[in-house]
Amino acid sequence: MAEAEIILRAGSAAWRSKAAAAAPAIVFVLTFSLCLVIRLSTLGELALWFDEVITADVARASWSGLVADRLANGHFPTYFALLKGLGLAGGSEFALRLPSALLDSLAGALVALLALRLSGRVGAIAAALLYAFYPALIQYGQEARPYALMLAFVALAITGQIGLLTGRPKPGRQAILATIGTLGAALSIPAGIVPVALQHLALPACGFRNFAPALKRLWWRHILITWTGIVVAAAFLLPAVQAQAEKPVGLMKWQSRYGYGQRAIEAFGETYGFVVPRDLDRFLDAGWNGWLATGFLALMLAGFLANRAKPAHRMLAVTAFGTPLVFLVLGIFSASAGRYLIGMLPAAVLLASAGIAALVARPGVARLPALAVLVALLAGIALQALDMLVSARKYDWRPVAAFLRESGVRDAEILTDAPHAEKALRYYLPDADRMTYAAIDPVREPMAILWDEAAGRPLAFLLTAAYRTVPSALAEGAIVCSWRFGDQKLTMIARDAGLAPAALKRCEAES
């Protein structure tokens, strides 16, 4: 019996050892798969919005044209070159967005793997669920834009940096991972420089002064290479930034129509606020967003407080709490948007998962109520994730393009008060239709410009905000027909009915 018991114990110990060795791979694969399944579920259903159309157009350009266009507009060409290199130029909505879904899922897998190292199995499960269902991460994991690439590099940077801070084997390799991550994050989009800077600024709080000399040298080498690369790359953007600053709407000056407070609230709402753009509220009412935000921030704070003596969690806290503060300051002088802040979310998820692990491990009668609250919070986040998946988020120009195409509108000029309409409609309408566009910015220019332009034409097509009405003087003596497409309205004013497309000649009688 004693011999059999010894064999059983040895077998059990060996099984546990194998399970522990396999745990990182299991966590990585399962988290990646969960994130990817969620992001692929509606990946090709949404129309490309203005910025994504820019991505599609740039990817179709020549290599020299791609680089020149991105640098001229104050962007690094890294992500766009990746799409072109993958042969996705001219691809469908699904194809153009697929790299983002893969990259964001990779970031989620790295975050869960880090959580396993920092907070154990409970932390890893929590990180996997939080990252997979976090609404903002789903949104940018489904966009043909550089944000998911930045998130993957940020997660890689954190992996290497925490490896150095926690004394993982082969510190030289950890420093290489950290450097690849910081350079990649910064060169994905300029906003990626902020979380990178905060990671480095957090080092004094992590006890850098007391690091071993060899470890200090690794850190200094990592920092020097990172910032040399950033400075050299940024030098290529400076002429474009100066040129954009002189344009009336350059550097997102259109945001000046909103107050600083409103812009700050919107930026927070898109990230820590769990707000879904154009939320259908099918699964979770918008009134619950504040509770989700409060719960998540509380978990972040709990994760930090429970681990405040650990250098890794101090770095995560500086990144997660410091990024929005930096952009609050930057927003005083320039544009700000929620998508610029998402580089903080990997650190935020790691802190929140550490908070969950700490609460679950807490003994006593308070444990059960805490678990109930955690389950409710995770359920709420999952429901909001479903709302993100089914909501339009941006205006869909495809119905407008389809109507113009099916109605036989060709060789016409569209007069519009939507400056973004031209790029979207050009993408969804064939070049053979030879459509042209004349747009005004209604914030800076009066609608009278459009009305006067339409008044002098025997046939005019106007694409305006749905709430606008055609002046009675403009409609007098003409056939006026309108078709509403959500927020937009297409109006045809025909003074010569013979010029109207055949499919629209009887529109007045039909309406």
Foldseek 3Di string as FASTA:
>chain_A
DVVVVVVVVVVVVVVVVVCVVCVLVVLLVVLLVLLLCLLLVQLQPFAAALVLLVLLVLLQDDPVSNCVVQLLQLAFSVLSVVCNVVVCRVHGSNSLLVVLSNLLSNLLSLLLSVLCVVQNPLLSVLSSLCSSLFLLSSVRSRGSALLSQLSSLLSQLLQLVVCLQVVPPPNLVSLVSNLSSLQRNCNSGVLSPLLSVLLLVLCVLQVLVPDDPVSVVSVVVSVVSNVVSNVVVVVSNVVSQVVQVPDPCRLNCVCVVDDLVVQLVQLCCSHLQLDAAQFPCPQHDSVCSNVLSVLLVVLLVQLCVVVVNRSSLSSLCSSQVVQSVVVSVVSVPGHDHNSSSCSSVSSSSSSSSSSSSVLCPDDDPVNVVVVVVVVVSSVNSNSSSVSNSPGNNDAGCQVVLVCCVVLVQALAEEEEQDVSNVSSSPVNHDCRSVYHYDYDPVVVDPCVVVLVVLQVDQKYKYKYFPPDDRDPVSQPQWQWAWDDDVRIIIIMTHNPLVPGRPSCSCRSVVD
